[in-house]
Amino acid sequence: MADTHDPPASRSFDGAARSVHEPAMIPLVLPHRLILIRHGETDWNREGRLQGAQDIPLNALGRRQAVEAAGRLRELAPDFAALPYLASPMQRARETMEILRGELGLDPSAYTIDQRLRELTFGSWEGFTWRDIRKAEREQAQLRERNKWSFVPPGGESYAMLAERIRPVLAELTSETVIVSHGGVARAVLALIGAVSPQKASLAEIWQGKILVVAGDRADWL
């Protein structure tokens, strides 16, 4: 993953701009704005290793990215102290959340953990790089390249499965909410709201230390 100071390749995902020929899910309509933050960088991110269910802590850059995200959130939502905060149970997400809340002058531990927000699992592929996998399991890797949204790694789950896991989380939101989670979760959100097709969602680059602001069928980087 690139340094947090680099601009995202695409600054927005807009359902209104999606081609009518692209297959899409029936959009989940969020009545309130969602502020979505991917956890900061870990050493495994830097090395290009699949983390999935492995509980890897933030590295020094990841901790700085969490501080930067707090500054962006302060500008975006002046009423940040009154918002609900939800996080994945994984260490890298909880650490990001606690640094962010501490920077905002909030109780670092006063947030809700939701097990459904954990990362997409890669099963027996976790800990390996894509280069390792393409070399050891070439056919499986090629199958995934053809349909990343629906492909299920050995012992893992697909983006389609992840989307169904987090759909109830989004449906239960009753107000503007801050969520700290993972790249896979963010891609599933993009497909669920209809911002992009599922296949394009599976290819979307999700940046660390930046905020994805979701409203209606659109999501914008801050």
C-alpha atoms as a PDB file:
ATOM      1  CA  MET A   1       0.000   0.000   0.000  1.00  0.00           C
ATOM      2  CA  ALA A   2       1.287   3.432  -0.936  1.00  0.00           C
ATOM      3  CA  ASP A   3       2.247   6.088   1.591  1.00  0.00           C
ATOM      4  CA  THR A   4      -0.670   7.975   3.101  1.00  0.00           C
ATOM      5  CA  HIS A   5       0.567  11.245   1.554  1.00  0.00           C
ATOM      6  CA  ASP A   6      -0.023   9.994  -1.997  1.00  0.00           C
ATOM      7  CA  PRO A   7      -3.413  11.009  -3.483  1.00  0.00           C
ATOM      8  CA  PRO A   8      -5.854   8.187  -4.212  1.00  0.00           C
ATOM      9  CA  ALA A   9      -5.955   7.165  -7.871  1.00  0.00           C
ATOM     10  CA  SER A  10      -9.702   7.842  -7.877  1.00  0.00           C
ATOM     11  CA  ARG A  11     -11.178  10.422  -5.530  1.00  0.00           C
ATOM     12  CA  SER A  12     -14.769   9.214  -5.784  1.00  0.00           C
ATOM     13  CA  PHE A  13     -17.064   6.293  -6.584  1.00  0.00           C
ATOM     14  CA  ASP A  14     -20.408   7.417  -7.990  1.00  0.00           C
ATOM     15  CA  GLY A  15     -23.359   5.144  -8.722  1.00  0.00           C
ATOM     16  CA  ALA A  16     -24.847   7.767 -11.030  1.00  0.00           C
ATOM     17  CA  ALA A  17     -21.820   7.414 -13.314  1.00  0.00           C
ATOM     18  CA  ARG A  18     -21.963   3.606 -13.456  1.00  0.00           C
ATOM     19  CA  SER A  19     -22.742   2.115 -16.875  1.00  0.00           C
ATOM     20  CA  VAL A  20     -26.196   0.540 -17.180  1.00  0.00           C
ATOM     21  CA  HIS A  21     -24.429  -2.465 -18.714  1.00  0.00           C
ATOM     22  CA  GLU A  22     -22.478  -3.168 -15.511  1.00  0.00           C
ATOM     23  CA  PRO A  23     -24.198  -5.754 -13.296  1.00  0.00           C
ATOM     24  CA  ALA A  24     -24.932  -4.274  -9.878  1.00  0.00           C
ATOM     25  CA  MET A  25     -26.458  -5.335  -6.590  1.00  0.00           C
ATOM     26  CA  ILE A  26     -29.806  -3.958  -5.454  1.00  0.00           C
ATOM     27  CA  PRO A  27     -28.489  -0.882  -3.600  1.00  0.00           C
ATOM     28  CA  LEU A  28     -28.687  -0.682   0.158  1.00  0.00           C
ATOM     29  CA  VAL A  29     -29.902   2.835   0.962  1.00  0.00           C
ATOM     30  CA  LEU A  30     -28.175   4.452   3.931  1.00  0.00           C
ATOM     31  CA  PRO A  31     -30.313   7.224   5.465  1.00  0.00           C
ATOM     32  CA  HIS A  32     -27.271   8.833   7.078  1.00  0.00           C
ATOM     33  CA  ARG A  33     -23.696   9.572   6.097  1.00  0.00           C
ATOM     34  CA  LEU A  34     -21.137   6.854   6.852  1.00  0.00           C
ATOM     35  CA  ILE A  35     -17.542   7.796   7.684  1.00  0.00           C
ATOM     36  CA  LEU A  36     -15.396   4.779   6.832  1.00  0.00           C
ATOM     37  CA  ILE A  37     -11.716   4.508   7.764  1.00  0.00           C
ATOM     38  CA  ARG A  38      -9.382   1.677   6.853  1.00  0.00           C
ATOM     39  CA  HIS A  39      -6.883   0.738   9.576  1.00  0.00           C
ATOM     40  CA  GLY A  40      -3.343   2.064   9.303  1.00  0.00           C
ATOM     41  CA  GLU A  41      -0.456   0.167   7.760  1.00  0.00           C
ATOM     42  CA  THR A  42       1.038  -2.996   9.269  1.00  0.00           C
ATOM     43  CA  ASP A  43       4.331  -4.669   8.430  1.00  0.00           C
ATOM     44  CA  TRP A  44       2.367  -7.297   6.505  1.00  0.00           C
ATOM     45  CA  ASN A  45       0.721  -4.546   4.439  1.00  0.00           C
ATOM     46  CA  ARG A  46       4.163  -3.174   3.644  1.00  0.00           C
ATOM     47  CA  GLU A  47       5.419  -6.650   2.687  1.00  0.00           C
ATOM     48  CA  GLY A  48       2.341  -7.383   0.559  1.00  0.00           C
ATOM     49  CA  ARG A  49       1.233 -10.334   2.710  1.00  0.00           C
ATOM     50  CA  LEU A  50      -2.415 -11.378   2.959  1.00  0.00           C
ATOM     51  CA  GLN A  51      -3.578 -10.670   6.498  1.00  0.00           C
ATOM     52  CA  GLY A  52      -7.230 -11.684   6.569  1.00  0.00           C
ATOM     53  CA  ALA A  53      -7.939 -13.169   9.998  1.00  0.00           C
ATOM     54  CA  GLN A  54      -4.357 -12.796  11.233  1.00  0.00           C
ATOM     55  CA  ASP A  55      -4.087 -10.238  14.027  1.00  0.00           C
ATOM     56  CA  ILE A  56      -1.161  -8.055  12.955  1.00  0.00           C
ATOM     57  CA  PRO A  57      -0.442  -4.764  14.825  1.00  0.00           C
ATOM     58  CA  LEU A  58       0.154  -1.371  13.239  1.00  0.00           C
ATOM     59  CA  ASN A  59       3.672  -0.304  12.363  1.00  0.00           C
ATOM     60  CA  ALA A  60       5.061   3.215  12.874  1.00  0.00           C
ATOM     61  CA  LEU A  61       3.574   4.513   9.608  1.00  0.00           C
ATOM     62  CA  GLY A  62       0.212   2.959  10.501  1.00  0.00           C
ATOM     63  CA  ARG A  63       0.178   4.814  13.809  1.00  0.00           C
ATOM     64  CA  ARG A  64       0.950   8.092  12.017  1.00  0.00           C
ATOM     65  CA  GLN A  65      -1.848   7.377   9.540  1.00  0.00           C
ATOM     66  CA  ALA A  66      -4.280   6.977  12.444  1.00  0.00           C
ATOM     67  CA  VAL A  67      -3.237  10.400  13.758  1.00  0.00           C
ATOM     68  CA  GLU A  68      -3.744  11.910  10.291  1.00  0.00           C
ATOM     69  CA  ALA A  69      -7.195  10.319  10.033  1.00  0.00           C
ATOM     70  CA  ALA A  70      -8.156  12.007  13.300  1.00  0.00           C
ATOM     71  CA  GLY A  71      -7.265  15.397  11.830  1.00  0.00           C
ATOM     72  CA  ARG A  72      -9.375  14.723   8.750  1.00  0.00           C
ATOM     73  CA  LEU A  73     -12.295  13.572  10.861  1.00  0.00           C
ATOM     74  CA  ARG A  74     -12.118  16.716  12.992  1.00  0.00           C
ATOM     75  CA  GLU A  75     -12.475  18.843   9.831  1.00  0.00           C
ATOM     76  CA  LEU A  76     -15.206  16.683   8.316  1.00  0.00           C
ATOM     77  CA  ALA A  77     -17.453  16.316  11.364  1.00  0.00           C
ATOM     78  CA  PRO A  78     -17.276  19.153  13.920  1.00  0.00           C
ATOM     79  CA  ASP A  79     -19.703  17.144  16.091  1.00  0.00           C
ATOM     80  CA  PHE A  80     -17.333  14.140  16.103  1.00  0.00           C
ATOM     81  CA  ALA A  81     -17.680  13.684  19.869  1.00  0.00           C
ATOM     82  CA  ALA A  82     -21.409  12.930  19.553  1.00  0.00           C
ATOM     83  CA  LEU A  83     -21.089  10.292  16.817  1.00  0.00           C
ATOM     84  CA  PRO A  84     -21.252   6.510  17.330  1.00  0.00           C
ATOM     85  CA  TYR A  85     -17.937   4.734  16.685  1.00  0.00           C
ATOM     86  CA  LEU A  86     -17.757   1.095  15.515  1.00  0.00           C
ATOM     87  CA  ALA A  87     -14.674  -1.013  14.867  1.00  0.00           C
ATOM     88  CA  SER A  88     -13.581  -4.409  13.678  1.00  0.00           C
ATOM     89  CA  PRO A  89     -12.359  -6.660  16.520  1.00  0.00           C
ATOM     90  CA  MET A  90      -8.954  -7.042  14.880  1.00  0.00           C
ATOM     91  CA  GLN A  91      -5.963  -5.442  16.568  1.00  0.00           C
ATOM     92  CA  ARG A  92      -4.980  -3.235  13.624  1.00  0.00           C
ATOM     93  CA  ALA A  93      -8.472  -1.712  13.490  1.00  0.00           C
ATOM     94  CA  ARG A  94      -8.824  -1.318  17.267  1.00  0.00           C
ATOM     95  CA  GLU A  95      -5.396   0.293  17.496  1.00  0.00           C
ATOM     96  CA  THR A  96      -6.295   2.729  14.714  1.00  0.00           C
ATOM     97  CA  MET A  97      -9.578   3.572  16.456  1.00  0.00           C
ATOM     98  CA  GLU A  98      -7.947   4.122  19.831  1.00  0.00           C
ATOM     99  CA  ILE A  99      -5.199   6.365  18.451  1.00  0.00           C
ATOM    100  CA  LEU A 100      -7.779   8.339  16.466  1.00  0.00           C
ATOM    101  CA  ARG A 101     -10.087   8.834  19.453  1.00  0.00           C
ATOM    102  CA  GLY A 102      -7.184   9.785  21.702  1.00  0.00           C
ATOM    103  CA  GLU A 103      -6.076  12.437  19.196  1.00  0.00           C
ATOM    104  CA  LEU A 104      -9.608  13.840  19.238  1.00  0.00           C
ATOM    105  CA  GLY A 105      -9.577  14.096  23.031  1.00  0.00           C
ATOM    106  CA  LEU A 106     -12.103  11.274  23.414  1.00  0.00           C
ATOM    107  CA  ASP A 107     -11.914   8.219  25.662  1.00  0.00           C
ATOM    108  CA  PRO A 108      -9.864   5.805  23.505  1.00  0.00           C
ATOM    109  CA  SER A 109     -11.824   2.761  24.706  1.00  0.00           C
ATOM    110  CA  ALA A 110     -15.366   4.169  24.435  1.00  0.00           C
ATOM    111  CA  TYR A 111     -16.381   2.594  21.132  1.00  0.00           C
ATOM    112  CA  THR A 112     -18.257  -0.510  20.015  1.00  0.00           C
ATOM    113  CA  ILE A 113     -16.615  -3.614  18.563  1.00  0.00           C
ATOM    114  CA  ASP A 114     -18.670  -5.469  15.961  1.00  0.00           C
ATOM    115  CA  GLN A 115     -17.415  -8.926  15.004  1.00  0.00           C
ATOM    116  CA  ARG A 116     -19.103  -8.653  11.607  1.00  0.00           C
ATOM    117  CA  LEU A 117     -16.651  -5.893  10.604  1.00  0.00           C
ATOM    118  CA  ARG A 118     -13.615  -8.204  10.611  1.00  0.00           C
ATOM    119  CA  GLU A 119     -11.591  -8.516   7.416  1.00  0.00           C
ATOM    120  CA  LEU A 120     -12.234 -10.840   4.488  1.00  0.00           C
ATOM    121  CA  THR A 121     -10.592 -14.174   5.331  1.00  0.00           C
ATOM    122  CA  PHE A 122      -8.113 -15.761   2.923  1.00  0.00           C
ATOM    123  CA  GLY A 123      -7.908 -19.162   4.655  1.00  0.00           C
ATOM    124  CA  SER A 124      -4.710 -21.090   3.904  1.00  0.00           C
ATOM    125  CA  TRP A 125      -3.397 -18.214   1.781  1.00  0.00           C
ATOM    126  CA  GLU A 126      -2.921 -15.905   4.765  1.00  0.00           C
ATOM    127  CA  GLY A 127       0.666 -14.919   5.436  1.00  0.00           C
ATOM    128  CA  PHE A 128       1.694 -15.375   1.802  1.00  0.00           C
ATOM    129  CA  THR A 129       2.176 -12.739  -0.893  1.00  0.00           C
ATOM    130  CA  TRP A 130       0.286 -12.829  -4.184  1.00  0.00           C
ATOM    131  CA  ARG A 131       3.579 -13.727  -5.850  1.00  0.00           C
ATOM    132  CA  ASP A 132       3.848 -16.778  -3.575  1.00  0.00           C
ATOM    133  CA  ILE A 133       0.275 -17.824  -4.371  1.00  0.00           C
ATOM    134  CA  ARG A 134       0.601 -17.376  -8.129  1.00  0.00           C
ATOM    135  CA  LYS A 135       3.677 -19.609  -8.018  1.00  0.00           C
ATOM    136  CA  ALA A 136       2.276 -22.317  -5.689  1.00  0.00           C
ATOM    137  CA  GLU A 137      -1.389 -22.330  -6.780  1.00  0.00           C
ATOM    138  CA  ARG A 138      -1.405 -20.952 -10.290  1.00  0.00           C
ATOM    139  CA  GLU A 139      -4.793 -22.322 -11.349  1.00  0.00           C
ATOM    140  CA  GLN A 140      -6.560 -21.043  -8.221  1.00  0.00           C
ATOM    141  CA  ALA A 141      -4.920 -17.652  -8.615  1.00  0.00           C
ATOM    142  CA  GLN A 142      -6.094 -17.464 -12.233  1.00  0.00           C
ATOM    143  CA  LEU A 143      -9.642 -18.368 -11.222  1.00  0.00           C
ATOM    144  CA  ARG A 144      -9.607 -15.529  -8.724  1.00  0.00           C
ATOM    145  CA  GLU A 145      -8.347 -13.060 -11.336  1.00  0.00           C
ATOM    146  CA  ARG A 146     -11.333 -13.936 -13.536  1.00  0.00           C
ATOM    147  CA  ASN A 147     -13.914 -13.223 -10.823  1.00  0.00           C
ATOM    148  CA  LYS A 148     -12.519 -11.693  -7.652  1.00  0.00           C
ATOM    149  CA  TRP A 149     -15.972 -10.910  -6.260  1.00  0.00           C
ATOM    150  CA  SER A 150     -17.185 -14.510  -6.132  1.00  0.00           C
ATOM    151  CA  PHE A 151     -13.967 -16.475  -5.761  1.00  0.00           C
ATOM    152  CA  VAL A 152     -13.565 -18.343  -2.426  1.00  0.00           C
ATOM    153  CA  PRO A 153      -9.930 -18.999  -1.393  1.00  0.00           C
ATOM    154  CA  PRO A 154      -9.168 -22.384   0.206  1.00  0.00           C
ATOM    155  CA  GLY A 155     -10.677 -22.166   3.701  1.00  0.00           C
ATOM    156  CA  GLY A 156     -11.567 -18.499   3.210  1.00  0.00           C
ATOM    157  CA  GLU A 157     -14.484 -16.400   1.977  1.00  0.00           C
ATOM    158  CA  SER A 158     -15.434 -14.394  -1.089  1.00  0.00           C
ATOM    159  CA  TYR A 159     -16.267 -10.699  -1.319  1.00  0.00           C
ATOM    160  CA  ALA A 160     -19.858 -11.785  -1.975  1.00  0.00           C
ATOM    161  CA  MET A 161     -19.887 -13.644   1.347  1.00  0.00           C
ATOM    162  CA  LEU A 162     -18.294 -10.670   3.114  1.00  0.00           C
ATOM    163  CA  ALA A 163     -20.939  -8.319   1.689  1.00  0.00           C
ATOM    164  CA  GLU A 164     -23.721 -10.451   3.150  1.00  0.00           C
ATOM    165  CA  ARG A 165     -21.909 -10.500   6.499  1.00  0.00           C
ATOM    166  CA  ILE A 166     -21.720  -6.718   6.746  1.00  0.00           C
ATOM    167  CA  ARG A 167     -25.068  -5.878   5.106  1.00  0.00           C
ATOM    168  CA  PRO A 168     -26.927  -6.111   8.473  1.00  0.00           C
ATOM    169  CA  VAL A 169     -24.350  -3.812  10.109  1.00  0.00           C
ATOM    170  CA  LEU A 170     -25.123  -1.068   7.588  1.00  0.00           C
ATOM    171  CA  ALA A 171     -28.869  -1.689   7.776  1.00  0.00           C
ATOM    172  CA  GLU A 172     -28.787  -1.246  11.560  1.00  0.00           C
ATOM    173  CA  LEU A 173     -27.137   2.201  11.486  1.00  0.00           C
ATOM    174  CA  THR A 174     -29.528   4.848  12.801  1.00  0.00           C
ATOM    175  CA  SER A 175     -27.323   7.941  12.513  1.00  0.00           C
ATOM    176  CA  GLU A 176     -24.108   9.225  11.005  1.00  0.00           C
ATOM    177  CA  THR A 177     -21.442   6.766  12.169  1.00  0.00           C
ATOM    178  CA  VAL A 178     -17.665   6.365  12.149  1.00  0.00           C
ATOM    179  CA  ILE A 179     -16.449   2.859  11.280  1.00  0.00           C
ATOM    180  CA  VAL A 180     -12.827   1.704  11.411  1.00  0.00           C
ATOM    181  CA  SER A 181     -12.408  -1.534   9.514  1.00  0.00           C
ATOM    182  CA  HIS A 182     -10.569  -3.063   6.544  1.00  0.00           C
ATOM    183  CA  GLY A 183      -9.976  -2.800   2.819  1.00  0.00           C
ATOM    184  CA  GLY A 184     -12.211  -5.757   2.028  1.00  0.00           C
ATOM    185  CA  VAL A 185     -15.037  -4.321   4.099  1.00  0.00           C
ATOM    186  CA  ALA A 186     -14.745  -0.980   2.291  1.00  0.00           C
ATOM    187  CA  ARG A 187     -14.935  -2.722  -1.107  1.00  0.00           C
ATOM    188  CA  ALA A 188     -18.040  -4.613   0.012  1.00  0.00           C
ATOM    189  CA  VAL A 189     -19.630  -1.329   1.148  1.00  0.00           C
ATOM    190  CA  LEU A 190     -18.997   0.239  -2.282  1.00  0.00           C
ATOM    191  CA  ALA A 191     -20.868  -2.622  -3.951  1.00  0.00           C
ATOM    192  CA  LEU A 192     -23.684  -2.708  -1.391  1.00  0.00           C
ATOM    193  CA  ILE A 193     -24.559   0.978  -1.846  1.00  0.00           C
ATOM    194  CA  GLY A 194     -24.372   0.695  -5.641  1.00  0.00           C
ATOM    195  CA  ALA A 195     -21.430   3.087  -6.044  1.00  0.00           C
ATOM    196  CA  VAL A 196     -19.727   0.590  -8.382  1.00  0.00           C
ATOM    197  CA  SER A 197     -20.437  -2.887  -9.684  1.00  0.00           C
ATOM    198  CA  PRO A 198     -19.340  -5.813  -7.480  1.00  0.00           C
ATOM    199  CA  GLN A 199     -16.519  -6.699  -9.873  1.00  0.00           C
ATOM    200  CA  LYS A 200     -15.189  -3.126  -9.887  1.00  0.00           C
ATOM    201  CA  ALA A 201     -15.570  -2.959  -6.109  1.00  0.00           C
ATOM    202  CA  SER A 202     -13.303  -5.995  -5.750  1.00  0.00           C
ATOM    203  CA  LEU A 203     -10.617  -4.113  -7.711  1.00  0.00           C
ATOM    204  CA  ALA A 204     -10.949  -0.766  -5.910  1.00  0.00           C
ATOM    205  CA  GLU A 205      -7.865   0.597  -4.170  1.00  0.00           C
ATOM    206  CA  ILE A 206      -8.670   1.364  -0.535  1.00  0.00           C
ATOM    207  CA  TRP A 207      -6.244   3.724   1.140  1.00  0.00           C
ATOM    208  CA  GLN A 208      -4.927   3.715   4.679  1.00  0.00           C
ATOM    209  CA  GLY A 209      -5.051   6.859   6.801  1.00  0.00           C
ATOM    210  CA  LYS A 210      -7.727   8.459   4.622  1.00  0.00           C
ATOM    211  CA  ILE A 211     -11.480   8.726   5.083  1.00  0.00           C
ATOM    212  CA  LEU A 212     -14.094   7.357   2.682  1.00  0.00           C
ATOM    213  CA  VAL A 213     -17.282   9.402   3.078  1.00  0.00           C
ATOM    214  CA  VAL A 214     -20.326   7.376   2.010  1.00  0.00           C
ATOM    215  CA  ALA A 215     -23.623   9.117   1.231  1.00  0.00           C
ATOM    216  CA  GLY A 216     -26.399   7.725  -0.943  1.00  0.00           C
ATOM    217  CA  ASP A 217     -24.848   5.787  -3.828  1.00  0.00           C
ATOM    218  CA  ARG A 218     -21.638   7.805  -3.758  1.00  0.00           C
ATOM    219  CA  ALA A 219     -18.381   7.549  -1.805  1.00  0.00           C
ATOM    220  CA  ASP A 220     -15.662  10.220  -1.762  1.00  0.00           C
ATOM    221  CA  TRP A 221     -12.118  10.233  -0.403  1.00  0.00           C
ATOM    222  CA  LEU A 222     -11.149  12.889   2.094  1.00  0.00           C
END
